[in-house]
C-alpha atoms as a PDB file:
ATOM      1  CA  UNK A   1     -17.576 -23.001  11.821  1.00  0.00           C
ATOM      2  CA  UNK A   2     -14.706 -20.520  12.113  1.00  0.00           C
ATOM      3  CA  UNK A   3     -15.566 -17.982  14.884  1.00  0.00           C
ATOM      4  CA  UNK A   4     -14.056 -14.587  14.269  1.00  0.00           C
ATOM      5  CA  UNK A   5     -13.417 -11.505  16.270  1.00  0.00           C
ATOM      6  CA  UNK A   6     -12.931  -8.163  14.524  1.00  0.00           C
ATOM      7  CA  UNK A   7     -10.327  -5.479  15.735  1.00  0.00           C
ATOM      8  CA  UNK A   8     -11.210  -2.005  14.299  1.00  0.00           C
ATOM      9  CA  UNK A   9     -14.387  -0.195  13.705  1.00  0.00           C
ATOM     10  CA  UNK A  10     -13.717   1.577  10.375  1.00  0.00           C
ATOM     11  CA  UNK A  11     -15.514   1.348   7.000  1.00  0.00           C
ATOM     12  CA  UNK A  12     -13.129  -1.277   5.879  1.00  0.00           C
ATOM     13  CA  UNK A  13     -14.116  -3.580   8.808  1.00  0.00           C
ATOM     14  CA  UNK A  14     -17.825  -3.161   7.794  1.00  0.00           C
ATOM     15  CA  UNK A  15     -16.938  -4.187   4.304  1.00  0.00           C
ATOM     16  CA  UNK A  16     -14.964  -7.198   5.632  1.00  0.00           C
ATOM     17  CA  UNK A  17     -17.999  -8.185   7.720  1.00  0.00           C
ATOM     18  CA  UNK A  18     -20.247  -8.022   4.687  1.00  0.00           C
ATOM     19  CA  UNK A  19     -17.864 -10.306   2.865  1.00  0.00           C
ATOM     20  CA  UNK A  20     -17.893 -12.773   5.800  1.00  0.00           C
ATOM     21  CA  UNK A  21     -21.662 -12.799   5.775  1.00  0.00           C
ATOM     22  CA  UNK A  22     -21.471 -14.068   2.186  1.00  0.00           C
ATOM     23  CA  UNK A  23     -18.955 -16.700   2.901  1.00  0.00           C
ATOM     24  CA  UNK A  24     -20.068 -20.187   4.237  1.00  0.00           C
ATOM     25  CA  UNK A  25     -18.251 -21.706   7.188  1.00  0.00           C
ATOM     26  CA  UNK A  26     -17.047 -18.463   8.858  1.00  0.00           C
ATOM     27  CA  UNK A  27     -18.820 -15.893  11.016  1.00  0.00           C
ATOM     28  CA  UNK A  28     -18.097 -12.930  13.239  1.00  0.00           C
ATOM     29  CA  UNK A  29     -19.000 -13.590  17.051  1.00  0.00           C
ATOM     30  CA  UNK A  30     -17.304 -10.652  18.751  1.00  0.00           C
ATOM     31  CA  UNK A  31     -16.364  -7.009  17.942  1.00  0.00           C
ATOM     32  CA  UNK A  32     -13.229  -5.725  19.899  1.00  0.00           C
ATOM     33  CA  UNK A  33     -12.817  -2.057  20.542  1.00  0.00           C
ATOM     34  CA  UNK A  34     -10.993  -0.248  23.333  1.00  0.00           C
ATOM     35  CA  UNK A  35     -14.043   1.985  23.558  1.00  0.00           C
ATOM     36  CA  UNK A  36     -17.062   0.057  24.817  1.00  0.00           C
ATOM     37  CA  UNK A  37     -19.816   2.383  23.455  1.00  0.00           C
ATOM     38  CA  UNK A  38     -18.126   2.508  20.087  1.00  0.00           C
ATOM     39  CA  UNK A  39     -17.722  -1.242  19.987  1.00  0.00           C
ATOM     40  CA  UNK A  40     -21.428  -1.725  21.077  1.00  0.00           C
ATOM     41  CA  UNK A  41     -22.698   0.699  18.334  1.00  0.00           C
ATOM     42  CA  UNK A  42     -20.542  -1.033  15.678  1.00  0.00           C
ATOM     43  CA  UNK A  43     -21.640  -4.548  16.742  1.00  0.00           C
ATOM     44  CA  UNK A  44     -25.290  -3.502  16.676  1.00  0.00           C
ATOM     45  CA  UNK A  45     -24.835  -2.075  13.010  1.00  0.00           C
ATOM     46  CA  UNK A  46     -23.467  -5.511  12.098  1.00  0.00           C
ATOM     47  CA  UNK A  47     -25.854  -7.490  14.048  1.00  0.00           C
ATOM     48  CA  UNK A  48     -23.313  -9.144  16.340  1.00  0.00           C
ATOM     49  CA  UNK A  49     -23.943  -9.773  20.017  1.00  0.00           C
ATOM     50  CA  UNK A  50     -20.431 -10.052  21.488  1.00  0.00           C
ATOM     51  CA  UNK A  51     -18.378  -7.062  22.310  1.00  0.00           C
ATOM     52  CA  UNK A  52     -14.963  -7.015  24.098  1.00  0.00           C
ATOM     53  CA  UNK A  53     -12.671  -4.204  25.422  1.00  0.00           C
ATOM     54  CA  UNK A  54     -10.012  -6.546  26.613  1.00  0.00           C
ATOM     55  CA  UNK A  55      -8.087  -8.081  23.764  1.00  0.00           C
ATOM     56  CA  UNK A  56      -5.833 -10.302  26.021  1.00  0.00           C
ATOM     57  CA  UNK A  57      -8.847 -11.838  27.670  1.00  0.00           C
ATOM     58  CA  UNK A  58     -10.685 -12.290  24.428  1.00  0.00           C
ATOM     59  CA  UNK A  59      -7.760 -14.108  22.927  1.00  0.00           C
ATOM     60  CA  UNK A  60      -7.448 -16.407  25.867  1.00  0.00           C
ATOM     61  CA  UNK A  61     -11.153 -17.003  26.197  1.00  0.00           C
ATOM     62  CA  UNK A  62     -11.349 -19.726  23.539  1.00  0.00           C
ATOM     63  CA  UNK A  63     -14.467 -18.053  22.166  1.00  0.00           C
ATOM     64  CA  UNK A  64     -12.846 -17.194  18.844  1.00  0.00           C
ATOM     65  CA  UNK A  65     -10.670 -19.192  16.378  1.00  0.00           C
ATOM     66  CA  UNK A  66      -9.557 -16.206  14.423  1.00  0.00           C
ATOM     67  CA  UNK A  67      -9.227 -12.406  14.492  1.00  0.00           C
ATOM     68  CA  UNK A  68      -9.445  -9.743  11.718  1.00  0.00           C
ATOM     69  CA  UNK A  69      -6.942  -7.026  12.305  1.00  0.00           C
ATOM     70  CA  UNK A  70      -8.395  -3.840  10.791  1.00  0.00           C
ATOM     71  CA  UNK A  71      -6.855  -1.362  13.152  1.00  0.00           C
ATOM     72  CA  UNK A  72      -4.321   1.430  12.029  1.00  0.00           C
ATOM     73  CA  UNK A  73      -1.451  -0.235  10.106  1.00  0.00           C
ATOM     74  CA  UNK A  74       1.092   0.567  12.905  1.00  0.00           C
ATOM     75  CA  UNK A  75      -0.771  -1.620  15.412  1.00  0.00           C
ATOM     76  CA  UNK A  76      -1.059  -4.676  13.227  1.00  0.00           C
ATOM     77  CA  UNK A  77       2.242  -6.462  14.213  1.00  0.00           C
ATOM     78  CA  UNK A  78       1.662  -6.284  18.036  1.00  0.00           C
ATOM     79  CA  UNK A  79      -2.006  -7.305  17.809  1.00  0.00           C
ATOM     80  CA  UNK A  80      -1.222 -10.168  15.354  1.00  0.00           C
ATOM     81  CA  UNK A  81       1.706 -11.324  17.624  1.00  0.00           C
ATOM     82  CA  UNK A  82      -0.614 -11.429  20.642  1.00  0.00           C
ATOM     83  CA  UNK A  83      -3.296 -13.584  18.715  1.00  0.00           C
ATOM     84  CA  UNK A  84      -0.620 -15.940  17.381  1.00  0.00           C
ATOM     85  CA  UNK A  85       0.864 -16.474  20.824  1.00  0.00           C
ATOM     86  CA  UNK A  86      -2.674 -17.366  22.014  1.00  0.00           C
ATOM     87  CA  UNK A  87      -3.083 -19.909  19.163  1.00  0.00           C
ATOM     88  CA  UNK A  88      -5.603 -17.753  17.249  1.00  0.00           C
ATOM     89  CA  UNK A  89      -5.475 -17.511  13.421  1.00  0.00           C
ATOM     90  CA  UNK A  90      -4.942 -13.968  11.991  1.00  0.00           C
ATOM     91  CA  UNK A  91      -6.354 -12.191   9.017  1.00  0.00           C
ATOM     92  CA  UNK A  92      -4.487  -8.926   8.522  1.00  0.00           C
ATOM     93  CA  UNK A  93      -6.056  -6.113   6.511  1.00  0.00           C
ATOM     94  CA  UNK A  94      -3.461  -4.752   4.067  1.00  0.00           C
ATOM     95  CA  UNK A  95      -0.710  -3.758   4.438  1.00  0.00           C
ATOM     96  CA  UNK A  96       0.072  -6.753   6.653  1.00  0.00           C
ATOM     97  CA  UNK A  97       2.627  -4.721   8.695  1.00  0.00           C
ATOM     98  CA  UNK A  98       4.763  -1.675   8.073  1.00  0.00           C
ATOM     99  CA  UNK A  99       7.973  -3.707   7.389  1.00  0.00           C
ATOM    100  CA  UNK A 100       8.805  -6.997   5.761  1.00  0.00           C
ATOM    101  CA  UNK A 101      10.751  -8.058   8.804  1.00  0.00           C
ATOM    102  CA  UNK A 102       7.731  -7.726  10.993  1.00  0.00           C
ATOM    103  CA  UNK A 103       5.652  -9.791   8.751  1.00  0.00           C
ATOM    104  CA  UNK A 104       8.420 -12.462   8.472  1.00  0.00           C
ATOM    105  CA  UNK A 105       8.541 -12.736  12.246  1.00  0.00           C
ATOM    106  CA  UNK A 106       4.760 -13.155  12.321  1.00  0.00           C
ATOM    107  CA  UNK A 107       5.020 -15.969   9.643  1.00  0.00           C
ATOM    108  CA  UNK A 108       7.710 -17.787  11.606  1.00  0.00           C
ATOM    109  CA  UNK A 109       5.646 -17.481  14.917  1.00  0.00           C
ATOM    110  CA  UNK A 110       2.554 -18.626  13.250  1.00  0.00           C
ATOM    111  CA  UNK A 111       4.289 -21.624  11.774  1.00  0.00           C
ATOM    112  CA  UNK A 112       5.672 -22.601  15.114  1.00  0.00           C
ATOM    113  CA  UNK A 113       2.244 -22.082  16.807  1.00  0.00           C
ATOM    114  CA  UNK A 114       0.414 -24.127  14.115  1.00  0.00           C
ATOM    115  CA  UNK A 115      -1.915 -21.201  13.115  1.00  0.00           C
ATOM    116  CA  UNK A 116      -2.467 -19.146   9.892  1.00  0.00           C
ATOM    117  CA  UNK A 117      -1.347 -15.583   9.431  1.00  0.00           C
ATOM    118  CA  UNK A 118      -2.694 -14.094   6.292  1.00  0.00           C
ATOM    119  CA  UNK A 119      -2.870 -10.632   4.570  1.00  0.00           C
ATOM    120  CA  UNK A 120      -6.072  -9.774   2.733  1.00  0.00           C
ATOM    121  CA  UNK A 121      -5.208  -8.461  -0.542  1.00  0.00           C
ATOM    122  CA  UNK A 122      -8.459  -8.438  -2.493  1.00  0.00           C
ATOM    123  CA  UNK A 123      -7.180  -8.127  -6.111  1.00  0.00           C
ATOM    124  CA  UNK A 124      -4.867 -11.168  -5.641  1.00  0.00           C
ATOM    125  CA  UNK A 125      -7.964 -13.470  -5.269  1.00  0.00           C
ATOM    126  CA  UNK A 126     -10.277 -11.760  -7.618  1.00  0.00           C
ATOM    127  CA  UNK A 127     -11.590 -13.764 -10.716  1.00  0.00           C
ATOM    128  CA  UNK A 128     -10.490 -10.855 -12.858  1.00  0.00           C
ATOM    129  CA  UNK A 129      -6.836 -11.406 -11.968  1.00  0.00           C
ATOM    130  CA  UNK A 130      -7.185 -15.001 -12.796  1.00  0.00           C
ATOM    131  CA  UNK A 131      -8.654 -14.147 -16.306  1.00  0.00           C
ATOM    132  CA  UNK A 132      -5.822 -11.548 -16.828  1.00  0.00           C
ATOM    133  CA  UNK A 133      -3.187 -14.166 -16.032  1.00  0.00           C
ATOM    134  CA  UNK A 134      -4.659 -16.552 -18.591  1.00  0.00           C
ATOM    135  CA  UNK A 135      -4.537 -13.790 -21.208  1.00  0.00           C
ATOM    136  CA  UNK A 136      -0.918 -12.946 -20.802  1.00  0.00           C
ATOM    137  CA  UNK A 137       0.478 -15.466 -23.284  1.00  0.00           C
ATOM    138  CA  UNK A 138      -1.497 -13.968 -26.143  1.00  0.00           C
ATOM    139  CA  UNK A 139       0.525 -10.622 -26.004  1.00  0.00           C
ATOM    140  CA  UNK A 140       3.802 -12.414 -26.286  1.00  0.00           C
ATOM    141  CA  UNK A 141       6.914 -11.178 -24.612  1.00  0.00           C
ATOM    142  CA  UNK A 142       5.937  -8.474 -22.015  1.00  0.00           C
ATOM    143  CA  UNK A 143       7.953  -5.310 -22.262  1.00  0.00           C
ATOM    144  CA  UNK A 144       6.054  -2.456 -20.388  1.00  0.00           C
ATOM    145  CA  UNK A 145       3.429  -2.628 -17.669  1.00  0.00           C
ATOM    146  CA  UNK A 146       1.623   0.370 -16.206  1.00  0.00           C
ATOM    147  CA  UNK A 147      -0.409  -0.143 -13.098  1.00  0.00           C
ATOM    148  CA  UNK A 148      -1.893   2.521 -10.812  1.00  0.00           C
ATOM    149  CA  UNK A 149      -4.403   3.281  -8.086  1.00  0.00           C
ATOM    150  CA  UNK A 150      -5.346   6.898  -7.478  1.00  0.00           C
ATOM    151  CA  UNK A 151      -8.298   7.876  -5.392  1.00  0.00           C
ATOM    152  CA  UNK A 152      -8.671  11.224  -3.425  1.00  0.00           C
ATOM    153  CA  UNK A 153      -9.408  10.587   0.126  1.00  0.00           C
ATOM    154  CA  UNK A 154     -12.155  12.716   1.801  1.00  0.00           C
ATOM    155  CA  UNK A 155      -9.935  12.950   4.809  1.00  0.00           C
ATOM    156  CA  UNK A 156      -7.407  14.883   2.871  1.00  0.00           C
ATOM    157  CA  UNK A 157      -9.735  17.828   3.521  1.00  0.00           C
ATOM    158  CA  UNK A 158      -8.892  17.346   7.318  1.00  0.00           C
ATOM    159  CA  UNK A 159      -5.126  17.497   6.359  1.00  0.00           C
ATOM    160  CA  UNK A 160      -5.655  20.763   4.447  1.00  0.00           C
ATOM    161  CA  UNK A 161      -7.403  22.028   7.591  1.00  0.00           C
ATOM    162  CA  UNK A 162      -4.448  21.259   9.718  1.00  0.00           C
ATOM    163  CA  UNK A 163      -5.407  17.994  11.104  1.00  0.00           C
ATOM    164  CA  UNK A 164      -3.683  14.570  11.051  1.00  0.00           C
ATOM    165  CA  UNK A 165      -6.256  11.684  10.431  1.00  0.00           C
ATOM    166  CA  UNK A 166      -5.045   8.174  10.999  1.00  0.00           C
ATOM    167  CA  UNK A 167      -4.880   7.379   7.287  1.00  0.00           C
ATOM    168  CA  UNK A 168      -2.383  10.337   6.891  1.00  0.00           C
ATOM    169  CA  UNK A 169      -0.517   9.859  10.129  1.00  0.00           C
ATOM    170  CA  UNK A 170       3.078   8.540   9.493  1.00  0.00           C
ATOM    171  CA  UNK A 171       3.208   7.428  13.165  1.00  0.00           C
ATOM    172  CA  UNK A 172       0.554   4.955  12.398  1.00  0.00           C
ATOM    173  CA  UNK A 173       2.081   3.929   9.044  1.00  0.00           C
ATOM    174  CA  UNK A 174      -0.446   5.937   7.116  1.00  0.00           C
ATOM    175  CA  UNK A 175      -0.086   7.313   3.616  1.00  0.00           C
ATOM    176  CA  UNK A 176      -0.906   6.618  -0.099  1.00  0.00           C
ATOM    177  CA  UNK A 177       1.747   3.919  -0.508  1.00  0.00           C
ATOM    178  CA  UNK A 178       0.474   1.704   2.290  1.00  0.00           C
ATOM    179  CA  UNK A 179      -3.154   2.377   1.590  1.00  0.00           C
ATOM    180  CA  UNK A 180      -3.389   2.295  -2.309  1.00  0.00           C
ATOM    181  CA  UNK A 181       0.063   1.702  -3.743  1.00  0.00           C
ATOM    182  CA  UNK A 182       0.144  -1.810  -2.369  1.00  0.00           C
ATOM    183  CA  UNK A 183      -2.543  -2.833  -4.759  1.00  0.00           C
ATOM    184  CA  UNK A 184      -0.770  -2.238  -8.066  1.00  0.00           C
ATOM    185  CA  UNK A 185       2.415  -3.526  -6.373  1.00  0.00           C
ATOM    186  CA  UNK A 186       0.534  -6.765  -5.334  1.00  0.00           C
ATOM    187  CA  UNK A 187      -0.962  -7.150  -8.876  1.00  0.00           C
ATOM    188  CA  UNK A 188       2.575  -6.818 -10.461  1.00  0.00           C
ATOM    189  CA  UNK A 189       4.133  -9.279  -8.057  1.00  0.00           C
ATOM    190  CA  UNK A 190       1.219 -11.688  -8.380  1.00  0.00           C
ATOM    191  CA  UNK A 191       1.537 -11.744 -12.156  1.00  0.00           C
ATOM    192  CA  UNK A 192       5.288 -11.480 -12.717  1.00  0.00           C
ATOM    193  CA  UNK A 193       6.951 -12.492  -9.402  1.00  0.00           C
ATOM    194  CA  UNK A 194       9.516 -10.544  -7.439  1.00  0.00           C
ATOM    195  CA  UNK A 195      11.231  -7.704  -9.267  1.00  0.00           C
ATOM    196  CA  UNK A 196      14.976  -7.591  -9.651  1.00  0.00           C
ATOM    197  CA  UNK A 197      15.031  -3.993  -8.386  1.00  0.00           C
ATOM    198  CA  UNK A 198      12.691  -1.193  -7.212  1.00  0.00           C
ATOM    199  CA  UNK A 199      13.211   2.484  -7.400  1.00  0.00           C
ATOM    200  CA  UNK A 200      10.613   5.138  -6.368  1.00  0.00           C
ATOM    201  CA  UNK A 201       9.660   8.574  -5.136  1.00  0.00           C
ATOM    202  CA  UNK A 202       6.811  10.041  -3.179  1.00  0.00           C
ATOM    203  CA  UNK A 203       5.196  13.387  -2.602  1.00  0.00           C
ATOM    204  CA  UNK A 204       4.999  14.342   1.003  1.00  0.00           C
ATOM    205  CA  UNK A 205       2.091  16.242   2.411  1.00  0.00           C
ATOM    206  CA  UNK A 206       1.772  18.372   5.569  1.00  0.00           C
ATOM    207  CA  UNK A 207       1.478  15.501   8.019  1.00  0.00           C
ATOM    208  CA  UNK A 208       4.742  14.040   6.892  1.00  0.00           C
ATOM    209  CA  UNK A 209       3.084  11.084   5.249  1.00  0.00           C
ATOM    210  CA  UNK A 210       3.257  10.393   1.418  1.00  0.00           C
ATOM    211  CA  UNK A 211       0.281  11.608  -0.459  1.00  0.00           C
ATOM    212  CA  UNK A 212       1.178  10.268  -3.861  1.00  0.00           C
ATOM    213  CA  UNK A 213       4.143   8.599  -5.521  1.00  0.00           C
ATOM    214  CA  UNK A 214       5.558   6.406  -8.355  1.00  0.00           C
ATOM    215  CA  UNK A 215       7.905   3.476  -8.760  1.00  0.00           C
ATOM    216  CA  UNK A 216       9.526   1.437 -11.435  1.00  0.00           C
ATOM    217  CA  UNK A 217       9.972  -2.356 -10.886  1.00  0.00           C
ATOM    218  CA  UNK A 218      12.686  -3.890 -13.024  1.00  0.00           C
ATOM    219  CA  UNK A 219      12.353  -7.392 -14.451  1.00  0.00           C
ATOM    220  CA  UNK A 220      14.390  -9.286 -17.030  1.00  0.00           C
ATOM    221  CA  UNK A 221      13.473  -7.698 -20.317  1.00  0.00           C
ATOM    222  CA  UNK A 222      10.742  -5.423 -19.101  1.00  0.00           C
ATOM    223  CA  UNK A 223       9.647  -2.790 -16.445  1.00  0.00           C
ATOM    224  CA  UNK A 224       6.532  -2.202 -14.479  1.00  0.00           C
ATOM    225  CA  UNK A 225       5.457   1.550 -13.773  1.00  0.00           C
ATOM    226  CA  UNK A 226       3.514   2.017 -10.553  1.00  0.00           C
ATOM    227  CA  UNK A 227       1.523   5.054  -9.675  1.00  0.00           C
ATOM    228  CA  UNK A 228      -0.508   5.832  -6.590  1.00  0.00           C
ATOM    229  CA  UNK A 229      -2.227   8.708  -4.868  1.00  0.00           C
ATOM    230  CA  UNK A 230      -4.746   9.553  -2.124  1.00  0.00           C
ATOM    231  CA  UNK A 231      -4.657  13.402  -2.805  1.00  0.00           C
ATOM    232  CA  UNK A 232      -5.733  13.149  -6.540  1.00  0.00           C
ATOM    233  CA  UNK A 233      -7.560  10.944  -8.829  1.00  0.00           C
ATOM    234  CA  UNK A 234      -7.005   9.166 -12.148  1.00  0.00           C
ATOM    235  CA  UNK A 235      -9.055   7.564 -14.725  1.00  0.00           C
ATOM    236  CA  UNK A 236      -6.317   6.063 -16.747  1.00  0.00           C
ATOM    237  CA  UNK A 237      -6.572   2.412 -17.550  1.00  0.00           C
ATOM    238  CA  UNK A 238      -3.911  -0.043 -16.624  1.00  0.00           C
ATOM    239  CA  UNK A 239      -1.881  -1.665 -19.337  1.00  0.00           C
ATOM    240  CA  UNK A 240       0.264  -4.676 -20.094  1.00  0.00           C
ATOM    241  CA  UNK A 241       2.185  -4.154 -23.381  1.00  0.00           C
ATOM    242  CA  UNK A 242       3.742  -7.136 -25.071  1.00  0.00           C
ATOM    243  CA  UNK A 243       5.368  -7.695 -28.382  1.00  0.00           C
ATOM    244  CA  UNK A 244       2.224  -9.141 -29.914  1.00  0.00           C
ATOM    245  CA  UNK A 245      -0.289  -6.683 -28.414  1.00  0.00           C
ATOM    246  CA  UNK A 246      -1.729  -4.895 -25.468  1.00  0.00           C
ATOM    247  CA  UNK A 247      -4.045  -5.739 -22.529  1.00  0.00           C
ATOM    248  CA  UNK A 248      -6.060  -2.858 -20.984  1.00  0.00           C
ATOM    249  CA  UNK A 249      -7.541  -3.289 -17.364  1.00  0.00           C
ATOM    250  CA  UNK A 250     -10.052  -0.919 -15.936  1.00  0.00           C
ATOM    251  CA  UNK A 251      -9.411  -1.248 -12.195  1.00  0.00           C
ATOM    252  CA  UNK A 252      -6.322  -3.019 -10.752  1.00  0.00           C
ATOM    253  CA  UNK A 253      -8.080  -3.551  -7.469  1.00  0.00           C
ATOM    254  CA  UNK A 254     -11.083  -5.359  -9.051  1.00  0.00           C
ATOM    255  CA  UNK A 255     -10.597  -6.090 -12.826  1.00  0.00           C
ATOM    256  CA  UNK A 256     -14.069  -6.033 -14.446  1.00  0.00           C
ATOM    257  CA  UNK A 257     -13.316  -4.860 -18.068  1.00  0.00           C
ATOM    258  CA  UNK A 258     -10.381  -6.245 -19.877  1.00  0.00           C
ATOM    259  CA  UNK A 259      -9.547  -5.284 -23.452  1.00  0.00           C
ATOM    260  CA  UNK A 260      -7.198  -7.427 -25.641  1.00  0.00           C
ATOM    261  CA  UNK A 261      -5.786  -5.814 -28.711  1.00  0.00           C
ATOM    262  CA  UNK A 262      -3.379  -7.791 -30.863  1.00  0.00           C
ATOM    263  CA  UNK A 263      -1.316  -6.507 -33.692  1.00  0.00           C
ATOM    264  CA  UNK A 264      -2.761  -9.393 -35.745  1.00  0.00           C
ATOM    265  CA  UNK A 265      -6.094  -7.597 -35.616  1.00  0.00           C
ATOM    266  CA  UNK A 266      -7.756  -9.440 -32.854  1.00  0.00           C
ATOM    267  CA  UNK A 267      -9.860  -7.199 -30.610  1.00  0.00           C
ATOM    268  CA  UNK A 268     -11.786  -8.715 -27.540  1.00  0.00           C
ATOM    269  CA  UNK A 269     -13.550  -6.989 -24.824  1.00  0.00           C
ATOM    270  CA  UNK A 270     -14.074  -9.135 -21.820  1.00  0.00           C
ATOM    271  CA  UNK A 271     -16.577  -8.463 -18.916  1.00  0.00           C
ATOM    272  CA  UNK A 272     -15.710 -10.124 -15.711  1.00  0.00           C
ATOM    273  CA  UNK A 273     -18.663 -11.133 -13.571  1.00  0.00           C
ATOM    274  CA  UNK A 274     -17.816 -10.244  -9.994  1.00  0.00           C
ATOM    275  CA  UNK A 275     -19.505  -8.942  -6.842  1.00  0.00           C
ATOM    276  CA  UNK A 276     -19.472  -5.380  -5.714  1.00  0.00           C
ATOM    277  CA  UNK A 277     -17.475  -6.500  -2.666  1.00  0.00           C
ATOM    278  CA  UNK A 278     -14.645  -8.542  -3.851  1.00  0.00           C
ATOM    279  CA  UNK A 279     -13.260  -9.030  -0.314  1.00  0.00           C
ATOM    280  CA  UNK A 280     -15.364 -12.159  -0.280  1.00  0.00           C
ATOM    281  CA  UNK A 281     -12.687 -13.834  -2.238  1.00  0.00           C
ATOM    282  CA  UNK A 282      -9.902 -13.165   0.259  1.00  0.00           C
ATOM    283  CA  UNK A 283     -12.229 -14.337   3.053  1.00  0.00           C
ATOM    284  CA  UNK A 284     -13.018 -17.422   1.314  1.00  0.00           C
ATOM    285  CA  UNK A 285      -9.115 -17.941   0.787  1.00  0.00           C
ATOM    286  CA  UNK A 286      -8.592 -17.416   4.537  1.00  0.00           C
ATOM    287  CA  UNK A 287     -11.237 -19.865   5.527  1.00  0.00           C
ATOM    288  CA  UNK A 288      -9.711 -22.490   3.218  1.00  0.00           C
ATOM    289  CA  UNK A 289      -6.297 -21.999   4.906  1.00  0.00           C
ATOM    290  CA  UNK A 290      -7.736 -22.169   8.360  1.00  0.00           C
ATOM    291  CA  UNK A 291      -9.550 -25.428   7.580  1.00  0.00           C
ATOM    292  CA  UNK A 292      -6.131 -26.808   6.351  1.00  0.00           C
ATOM    293  CA  UNK A 293      -7.331 -27.271   2.772  1.00  0.00           C
ATOM    294  CA  UNK A 294      -4.110 -25.691   1.517  1.00  0.00           C
ATOM    295  CA  UNK A 295      -1.039 -24.104   2.977  1.00  0.00           C
ATOM    296  CA  UNK A 296      -0.295 -20.273   3.080  1.00  0.00           C
ATOM    297  CA  UNK A 297       3.424 -20.088   1.891  1.00  0.00           C
ATOM    298  CA  UNK A 298       2.710 -18.648  -1.479  1.00  0.00           C
ATOM    299  CA  UNK A 299       0.203 -16.044  -0.136  1.00  0.00           C
ATOM    300  CA  UNK A 300       2.862 -15.115   2.501  1.00  0.00           C
ATOM    301  CA  UNK A 301       5.689 -14.875  -0.015  1.00  0.00           C
ATOM    302  CA  UNK A 302       3.688 -12.450  -2.178  1.00  0.00           C
ATOM    303  CA  UNK A 303       2.966 -10.269   0.916  1.00  0.00           C
ATOM    304  CA  UNK A 304       6.602 -10.321   1.883  1.00  0.00           C
ATOM    305  CA  UNK A 305       7.693  -9.223  -1.579  1.00  0.00           C
ATOM    306  CA  UNK A 306       5.151  -6.435  -1.686  1.00  0.00           C
ATOM    307  CA  UNK A 307       6.428  -5.132   1.643  1.00  0.00           C
ATOM    308  CA  UNK A 308       9.932  -5.274   0.371  1.00  0.00           C
ATOM    309  CA  UNK A 309       8.977  -3.194  -2.583  1.00  0.00           C
ATOM    310  CA  UNK A 310       7.361  -0.655  -0.258  1.00  0.00           C
ATOM    311  CA  UNK A 311      10.491  -0.497   1.804  1.00  0.00           C
ATOM    312  CA  UNK A 312      12.568   0.102  -1.278  1.00  0.00           C
ATOM    313  CA  UNK A 313      10.160   2.873  -2.419  1.00  0.00           C
ATOM    314  CA  UNK A 314      10.226   4.574   1.061  1.00  0.00           C
ATOM    315  CA  UNK A 315      13.955   4.387   1.338  1.00  0.00           C
ATOM    316  CA  UNK A 316      14.444   6.084  -2.071  1.00  0.00           C
ATOM    317  CA  UNK A 317      11.929   8.763  -1.057  1.00  0.00           C
ATOM    318  CA  UNK A 318      13.775   9.361   2.217  1.00  0.00           C
ATOM    319  CA  UNK A 319      17.115   9.682   0.328  1.00  0.00           C
ATOM    320  CA  UNK A 320      15.540  12.244  -2.055  1.00  0.00           C
ATOM    321  CA  UNK A 321      14.034  14.186   0.872  1.00  0.00           C
ATOM    322  CA  UNK A 322      17.458  14.171   2.571  1.00  0.00           C
ATOM    323  CA  UNK A 323      19.201  15.247  -0.549  1.00  0.00           C
ATOM    324  CA  UNK A 324      16.588  18.146  -1.036  1.00  0.00           C
ATOM    325  CA  UNK A 325      17.333  19.310   2.504  1.00  0.00           C
ATOM    326  CA  UNK A 326      21.090  19.457   1.965  1.00  0.00           C
ATOM    327  CA  UNK A 327      20.658  21.228  -1.275  1.00  0.00           C
ATOM    328  CA  UNK A 328      18.346  23.852   0.513  1.00  0.00           C
ATOM    329  CA  UNK A 329      21.011  24.611   2.976  1.00  0.00           C
END
């Protein structure tokens, strides 16, 4: 049995706990929180006995085999580094870290220590993605792909009221790109590999974080359009356009309805049977890696390439902002 501790008491950690409860061979034994009362209340909601307010002591206790890091993005690297040093496996909520270099250092440290460091990216392990990959040859040579994830956050109302919630705090690596943009980026890289080039732009909100944005990923012979927003919403489907037809996907985070339309006249509507909480697939993959049934290099390469794409988008956005500032002066 893999014994877990959770770091973070947000909604995503509750969803993770639900996924763990559905996965054999792994369980949550301890909730970590710097606030004892908050940690106790969270543990009680999950039906967990153990609560800790001392991360260093918890990691050294030998009472847990792995930690789930669901804290604000900016805290991921340091907490993961501490766990790895203690010989504890690490499951990082996406994004793994704010930068590719930070994650690369964690991978190197984990290999040296003989533990697993893993980023949970739920669409990468979803059965809908497996089915989508199998359909790709039918549309022939891919030419244009459009993936996006836009979902207005209720916390944006706090921003409009003059506050800076964690999810929109640039000091904590908050913003739409880290929170939602990584999903379509991950889907593209999972299906097509690392792009040759990435260009992008973002819309900055009052907190200084990005609220929305877009990017273009260049591949040999085709391009991928990426869109993301936490301050608006979209119901547009995702598309893969090939020379023989088009694939339409409902949700890139959890594909459940896929439509195949070929120029030959073939029309197929495919329903994917999947759970409401598809984090269970990433939890199952993590458990597999911790047991030693497979090795994590392919998972880690995808995570690194997504973070490199994120960095390219952020760098372009910063150049555009700097250029706008000079033009204004």
